[in-house]
């Protein structure tokens, strides 16, 4: 994914990095799993195809939020994880987003 050449606000960059249906969900799963395999992520994220998961992971790696370890041997073993810097810092923002979403859901449930 390419970023635009001009931005008026740093928040626009973060939005472009995270936009899409799956990236925040992938980051949230990595928060709980720590290092985990592609197969485990695919199992835990309902509705995502392996192709889409790989594409999203590669974009998150490109922006320094996620990295992977590829182990030697057969069968091939790869583990994905949040990076120490940016990857763990973005989780703070996702935790706030999670809280806001939870509050909204509770409000909707209580209305009905």
N, C-alpha and C. Protein backbone atom coordinates (compact mmCIF):
# COMPACT_ATOMS: atom_id res chain seq x y z
N UNK A 1 0.84 -1.17 0.00
CA UNK A 1 0.00 0.00 0.00
C UNK A 1 0.89 1.24 0.00
N UNK A 2 0.53 2.17 -0.83
CA UNK A 2 1.30 3.40 -0.89
C UNK A 2 0.56 4.50 -0.15
N UNK A 3 1.31 5.29 0.58
CA UNK A 3 0.74 6.45 1.25
C UNK A 3 0.67 7.61 0.26
N UNK A 4 -0.23 8.52 0.52
CA UNK A 4 -0.32 9.72 -0.32
C UNK A 4 0.96 10.54 -0.16
N UNK A 5 1.18 11.45 -1.07
CA UNK A 5 2.38 12.29 -1.01
C UNK A 5 2.22 13.45 -0.05
N UNK A 6 0.98 13.89 0.15
CA UNK A 6 0.75 15.04 1.02
C UNK A 6 -0.34 14.74 2.03
N UNK A 7 -0.09 15.19 3.25
CA UNK A 7 -1.06 15.05 4.33
C UNK A 7 -1.19 16.40 5.03
N UNK A 8 -2.38 16.68 5.53
CA UNK A 8 -2.58 17.91 6.28
C UNK A 8 -2.48 17.66 7.78
N UNK A 9 -2.49 16.38 8.18
CA UNK A 9 -2.50 16.04 9.60
C UNK A 9 -1.88 14.65 9.78
N UNK A 10 -1.07 14.44 10.82
CA UNK A 10 -0.48 13.12 11.06
C UNK A 10 -1.53 12.02 11.28
N UNK A 11 -2.71 12.39 11.78
CA UNK A 11 -3.77 11.41 11.98
C UNK A 11 -4.21 10.78 10.66
N UNK A 12 -4.12 11.54 9.58
CA UNK A 12 -4.46 11.01 8.26
C UNK A 12 -3.53 9.85 7.89
N UNK A 13 -2.26 9.97 8.24
CA UNK A 13 -1.30 8.90 7.94
C UNK A 13 -1.68 7.65 8.71
N UNK A 14 -1.95 7.81 10.00
CA UNK A 14 -2.33 6.66 10.83
C UNK A 14 -3.60 6.03 10.29
N UNK A 15 -4.55 6.84 9.90
CA UNK A 15 -5.79 6.31 9.32
C UNK A 15 -5.49 5.49 8.07
N UNK A 16 -4.66 6.02 7.19
CA UNK A 16 -4.33 5.30 5.96
C UNK A 16 -3.60 3.98 6.25
N UNK A 17 -2.75 3.97 7.25
CA UNK A 17 -2.03 2.75 7.61
C UNK A 17 -3.00 1.69 8.13
N UNK A 18 -3.98 2.10 8.94
CA UNK A 18 -4.89 1.15 9.59
C UNK A 18 -6.19 0.90 8.84
N UNK A 19 -6.45 1.67 7.78
CA UNK A 19 -7.76 1.54 7.15
C UNK A 19 -7.95 0.15 6.55
N UNK A 20 -9.20 -0.22 6.50
CA UNK A 20 -9.56 -1.53 6.00
C UNK A 20 -10.27 -2.30 7.10
N UNK A 21 -10.86 -3.39 6.71
CA UNK A 21 -11.70 -4.17 7.62
C UNK A 21 -10.90 -4.97 8.64
N UNK A 22 -9.68 -5.36 8.31
CA UNK A 22 -9.00 -6.40 9.09
C UNK A 22 -7.81 -5.96 9.92
N UNK A 23 -7.17 -4.87 9.59
CA UNK A 23 -5.90 -4.55 10.23
C UNK A 23 -6.01 -4.39 11.74
N UNK A 24 -7.02 -3.68 12.21
CA UNK A 24 -7.15 -3.51 13.66
C UNK A 24 -7.46 -4.83 14.34
N UNK A 25 -8.22 -5.70 13.67
CA UNK A 25 -8.54 -7.01 14.23
C UNK A 25 -7.27 -7.87 14.32
N UNK A 26 -6.45 -7.82 13.29
CA UNK A 26 -5.18 -8.57 13.29
C UNK A 26 -4.29 -8.07 14.43
N UNK A 27 -4.16 -6.77 14.55
CA UNK A 27 -3.33 -6.21 15.63
C UNK A 27 -3.86 -6.63 17.00
N UNK A 28 -5.17 -6.63 17.16
CA UNK A 28 -5.79 -7.01 18.44
C UNK A 28 -5.49 -8.48 18.75
N UNK A 29 -5.56 -9.34 17.74
CA UNK A 29 -5.24 -10.76 17.94
C UNK A 29 -3.78 -10.94 18.34
N UNK A 30 -2.90 -10.19 17.70
CA UNK A 30 -1.48 -10.29 18.03
C UNK A 30 -1.20 -9.79 19.44
N UNK A 31 -2.00 -8.84 19.91
CA UNK A 31 -1.86 -8.36 21.28
C UNK A 31 -2.06 -9.52 22.26
N UNK A 32 -3.07 -10.34 22.00
CA UNK A 32 -3.40 -11.43 22.92
C UNK A 32 -2.56 -12.68 22.72
N UNK A 33 -2.18 -12.94 21.49
CA UNK A 33 -1.42 -14.16 21.22
C UNK A 33 0.08 -13.99 21.40
N UNK A 34 0.57 -12.77 21.28
CA UNK A 34 2.01 -12.60 21.21
C UNK A 34 2.46 -13.12 19.85
N UNK A 35 3.50 -13.93 19.82
CA UNK A 35 3.93 -14.54 18.56
C UNK A 35 2.95 -15.64 18.19
N UNK A 36 2.50 -15.61 16.94
CA UNK A 36 1.52 -16.61 16.51
C UNK A 36 1.65 -16.90 15.03
N UNK A 37 1.12 -18.02 14.64
CA UNK A 37 1.23 -18.47 13.25
C UNK A 37 0.11 -17.89 12.39
N UNK A 38 0.32 -17.96 11.10
CA UNK A 38 -0.68 -17.54 10.14
C UNK A 38 -1.94 -18.38 10.31
N UNK A 39 -1.76 -19.68 10.49
CA UNK A 39 -2.91 -20.58 10.65
C UNK A 39 -3.75 -20.21 11.87
N UNK A 40 -3.09 -19.84 12.98
CA UNK A 40 -3.83 -19.47 14.19
C UNK A 40 -4.59 -18.17 13.97
N UNK A 41 -3.96 -17.20 13.32
CA UNK A 41 -4.65 -15.95 13.02
C UNK A 41 -5.86 -16.19 12.12
N UNK A 42 -5.67 -17.02 11.11
CA UNK A 42 -6.77 -17.32 10.19
C UNK A 42 -7.92 -18.01 10.92
N UNK A 43 -7.60 -18.86 11.85
CA UNK A 43 -8.61 -19.57 12.65
C UNK A 43 -9.37 -18.59 13.56
N UNK A 44 -8.66 -17.66 14.16
CA UNK A 44 -9.25 -16.75 15.15
C UNK A 44 -10.00 -15.57 14.54
N UNK A 45 -9.71 -15.23 13.29
CA UNK A 45 -10.35 -14.09 12.65
C UNK A 45 -11.38 -14.63 11.65
N UNK A 46 -12.60 -14.68 12.09
CA UNK A 46 -13.69 -15.25 11.28
C UNK A 46 -13.93 -14.41 10.03
N UNK A 47 -13.98 -15.09 8.88
CA UNK A 47 -14.34 -14.42 7.63
C UNK A 47 -13.17 -13.91 6.80
N UNK A 48 -11.95 -14.00 7.31
CA UNK A 48 -10.80 -13.51 6.54
C UNK A 48 -10.21 -14.67 5.74
N UNK A 49 -9.87 -14.39 4.49
CA UNK A 49 -9.21 -15.41 3.67
C UNK A 49 -7.70 -15.36 3.95
N UNK A 50 -7.03 -16.45 3.64
CA UNK A 50 -5.58 -16.48 3.84
C UNK A 50 -4.89 -15.43 2.98
N UNK A 51 -5.38 -15.25 1.76
CA UNK A 51 -4.80 -14.25 0.87
C UNK A 51 -4.92 -12.85 1.47
N UNK A 52 -6.10 -12.52 1.97
CA UNK A 52 -6.32 -11.20 2.57
C UNK A 52 -5.48 -11.04 3.83
N UNK A 53 -5.42 -12.09 4.64
CA UNK A 53 -4.62 -12.04 5.87
C UNK A 53 -3.16 -11.76 5.55
N UNK A 54 -2.61 -12.46 4.57
CA UNK A 54 -1.22 -12.24 4.17
C UNK A 54 -1.01 -10.82 3.65
N UNK A 55 -1.94 -10.33 2.85
CA UNK A 55 -1.83 -8.97 2.32
C UNK A 55 -1.82 -7.95 3.46
N UNK A 56 -2.74 -8.10 4.40
CA UNK A 56 -2.84 -7.17 5.51
C UNK A 56 -1.60 -7.25 6.41
N UNK A 57 -1.12 -8.46 6.68
CA UNK A 57 0.09 -8.63 7.48
C UNK A 57 1.29 -7.97 6.80
N UNK A 58 1.39 -8.12 5.49
CA UNK A 58 2.50 -7.51 4.76
C UNK A 58 2.44 -5.98 4.83
N UNK A 59 1.23 -5.42 4.75
CA UNK A 59 1.10 -3.97 4.87
C UNK A 59 1.45 -3.50 6.28
N UNK A 60 1.02 -4.25 7.28
CA UNK A 60 1.36 -3.90 8.66
C UNK A 60 2.86 -4.02 8.90
N UNK A 61 3.50 -4.96 8.26
CA UNK A 61 4.96 -5.09 8.35
C UNK A 61 5.64 -3.91 7.66
N UNK A 62 5.12 -3.52 6.52
CA UNK A 62 5.68 -2.40 5.76
C UNK A 62 5.73 -1.12 6.60
N UNK A 63 4.73 -0.93 7.46
CA UNK A 63 4.65 0.27 8.28
C UNK A 63 5.23 0.08 9.68
N UNK A 64 5.86 -1.07 9.93
CA UNK A 64 6.58 -1.27 11.18
C UNK A 64 5.71 -1.59 12.39
N UNK A 65 4.49 -2.06 12.17
CA UNK A 65 3.61 -2.43 13.28
C UNK A 65 3.73 -3.91 13.63
N UNK A 66 4.05 -4.71 12.63
CA UNK A 66 4.14 -6.17 12.78
C UNK A 66 5.44 -6.63 12.14
N UNK A 67 5.97 -7.72 12.68
CA UNK A 67 7.13 -8.36 12.04
C UNK A 67 6.93 -9.86 12.11
N UNK A 68 7.83 -10.60 11.51
CA UNK A 68 7.71 -12.06 11.53
C UNK A 68 9.07 -12.70 11.71
N UNK A 69 9.03 -13.90 12.24
CA UNK A 69 10.22 -14.75 12.36
C UNK A 69 9.96 -15.97 11.50
N UNK A 70 10.91 -16.26 10.62
CA UNK A 70 10.81 -17.45 9.78
C UNK A 70 11.85 -18.44 10.27
N UNK A 71 11.38 -19.59 10.75
CA UNK A 71 12.27 -20.61 11.31
C UNK A 71 12.75 -21.55 10.21
N UNK A 72 13.94 -22.08 10.39
CA UNK A 72 14.50 -23.04 9.46
C UNK A 72 13.82 -24.39 9.63
N UNK A 73 13.86 -25.21 8.61
CA UNK A 73 13.36 -26.56 8.71
C UNK A 73 12.06 -26.78 7.96
N UNK A 74 11.61 -28.01 8.09
CA UNK A 74 10.39 -28.42 7.43
C UNK A 74 9.49 -29.08 8.45
N UNK A 75 8.24 -28.81 8.53
CA UNK A 75 7.54 -27.85 7.68
C UNK A 75 7.91 -26.42 8.03
N UNK A 76 7.69 -25.54 7.08
CA UNK A 76 7.99 -24.13 7.26
C UNK A 76 7.21 -23.59 8.44
N UNK A 77 7.88 -22.87 9.32
CA UNK A 77 7.21 -22.26 10.47
C UNK A 77 7.51 -20.77 10.48
N UNK A 78 6.42 -19.97 10.51
CA UNK A 78 6.52 -18.53 10.55
C UNK A 78 5.64 -18.03 11.69
N UNK A 79 6.16 -17.10 12.47
CA UNK A 79 5.38 -16.49 13.54
C UNK A 79 5.35 -14.98 13.34
N UNK A 80 4.17 -14.41 13.52
CA UNK A 80 3.97 -12.97 13.43
C UNK A 80 3.83 -12.39 14.83
N UNK A 81 4.26 -11.14 15.00
CA UNK A 81 4.19 -10.50 16.31
C UNK A 81 4.19 -8.98 16.14
N UNK A 82 3.71 -8.30 17.19
CA UNK A 82 3.75 -6.84 17.23
C UNK A 82 5.19 -6.38 17.42
N UNK A 83 5.58 -5.33 16.75
CA UNK A 83 6.92 -4.78 16.96
C UNK A 83 6.98 -4.09 18.32
N UNK A 84 8.17 -4.03 18.87
CA UNK A 84 8.35 -3.43 20.20
C UNK A 84 7.94 -1.97 20.24
N UNK A 85 8.26 -1.22 19.23
CA UNK A 85 7.96 0.21 19.24
C UNK A 85 6.54 0.51 18.80
N UNK A 86 6.40 0.73 17.53
CA UNK A 86 5.13 1.18 16.96
C UNK A 86 4.00 0.18 17.15
N UNK A 87 4.30 -1.09 17.03
CA UNK A 87 3.26 -2.12 17.17
C UNK A 87 2.60 -2.10 18.54
N UNK A 88 3.41 -2.02 19.58
CA UNK A 88 2.85 -1.99 20.94
C UNK A 88 2.22 -0.63 21.25
N UNK A 89 2.74 0.43 20.69
CA UNK A 89 2.16 1.75 20.96
C UNK A 89 0.78 1.90 20.34
N UNK A 90 0.57 1.32 19.15
CA UNK A 90 -0.74 1.46 18.49
C UNK A 90 -1.82 0.74 19.28
N UNK A 91 -1.44 -0.24 20.08
CA UNK A 91 -2.42 -0.98 20.89
C UNK A 91 -3.12 -0.05 21.88
N UNK A 92 -2.41 0.95 22.38
CA UNK A 92 -3.05 1.91 23.29
C UNK A 92 -4.25 2.56 22.62
N UNK A 93 -4.10 2.94 21.37
CA UNK A 93 -5.20 3.56 20.62
C UNK A 93 -6.32 2.54 20.39
N UNK A 94 -5.96 1.31 20.10
CA UNK A 94 -6.98 0.28 19.86
C UNK A 94 -7.75 -0.04 21.14
N UNK A 95 -7.08 0.02 22.28
CA UNK A 95 -7.77 -0.21 23.55
C UNK A 95 -8.84 0.85 23.78
N UNK A 96 -8.54 2.09 23.45
CA UNK A 96 -9.53 3.17 23.58
C UNK A 96 -10.67 2.93 22.59
N UNK A 97 -10.36 2.54 21.37
CA UNK A 97 -11.39 2.26 20.38
C UNK A 97 -12.28 1.10 20.85
N UNK A 98 -11.67 0.10 21.46
CA UNK A 98 -12.42 -1.05 22.01
C UNK A 98 -13.39 -0.59 23.09
N UNK A 99 -12.92 0.28 23.98
CA UNK A 99 -13.78 0.80 25.06
C UNK A 99 -14.96 1.58 24.49
N UNK A 100 -14.71 2.43 23.51
CA UNK A 100 -15.78 3.22 22.90
C UNK A 100 -16.79 2.29 22.22
N UNK A 101 -16.31 1.28 21.54
CA UNK A 101 -17.19 0.31 20.89
C UNK A 101 -18.03 -0.46 21.90
N UNK A 102 -17.41 -0.85 23.00
CA UNK A 102 -18.13 -1.57 24.05
C UNK A 102 -19.22 -0.69 24.66
N UNK A 103 -18.90 0.57 24.93
CA UNK A 103 -19.89 1.51 25.48
C UNK A 103 -21.06 1.67 24.52
N UNK A 104 -20.76 1.82 23.25
CA UNK A 104 -21.82 2.01 22.25
C UNK A 104 -22.71 0.77 22.18
N UNK A 105 -22.11 -0.41 22.15
CA UNK A 105 -22.89 -1.65 22.12
C UNK A 105 -23.80 -1.77 23.34
N UNK A 106 -23.26 -1.45 24.50
CA UNK A 106 -24.07 -1.51 25.72
C UNK A 106 -25.24 -0.54 25.66
N UNK A 107 -25.00 0.66 25.13
CA UNK A 107 -26.07 1.63 24.98
C UNK A 107 -27.17 1.10 24.05
N UNK A 108 -26.76 0.46 22.96
CA UNK A 108 -27.72 -0.07 22.00
C UNK A 108 -28.53 -1.22 22.61
N UNK A 109 -27.87 -2.05 23.40
CA UNK A 109 -28.56 -3.17 24.04
C UNK A 109 -29.57 -2.63 25.06
N UNK A 110 -29.18 -1.62 25.81
CA UNK A 110 -30.06 -1.07 26.83
C UNK A 110 -31.24 -0.31 26.25
N UNK A 111 -31.14 0.17 25.00
CA UNK A 111 -32.25 0.86 24.35
C UNK A 111 -33.38 -0.10 24.00
N UNK A 112 -33.01 -1.36 23.77
CA UNK A 112 -34.01 -2.33 23.28
C UNK A 112 -34.53 -3.18 24.36
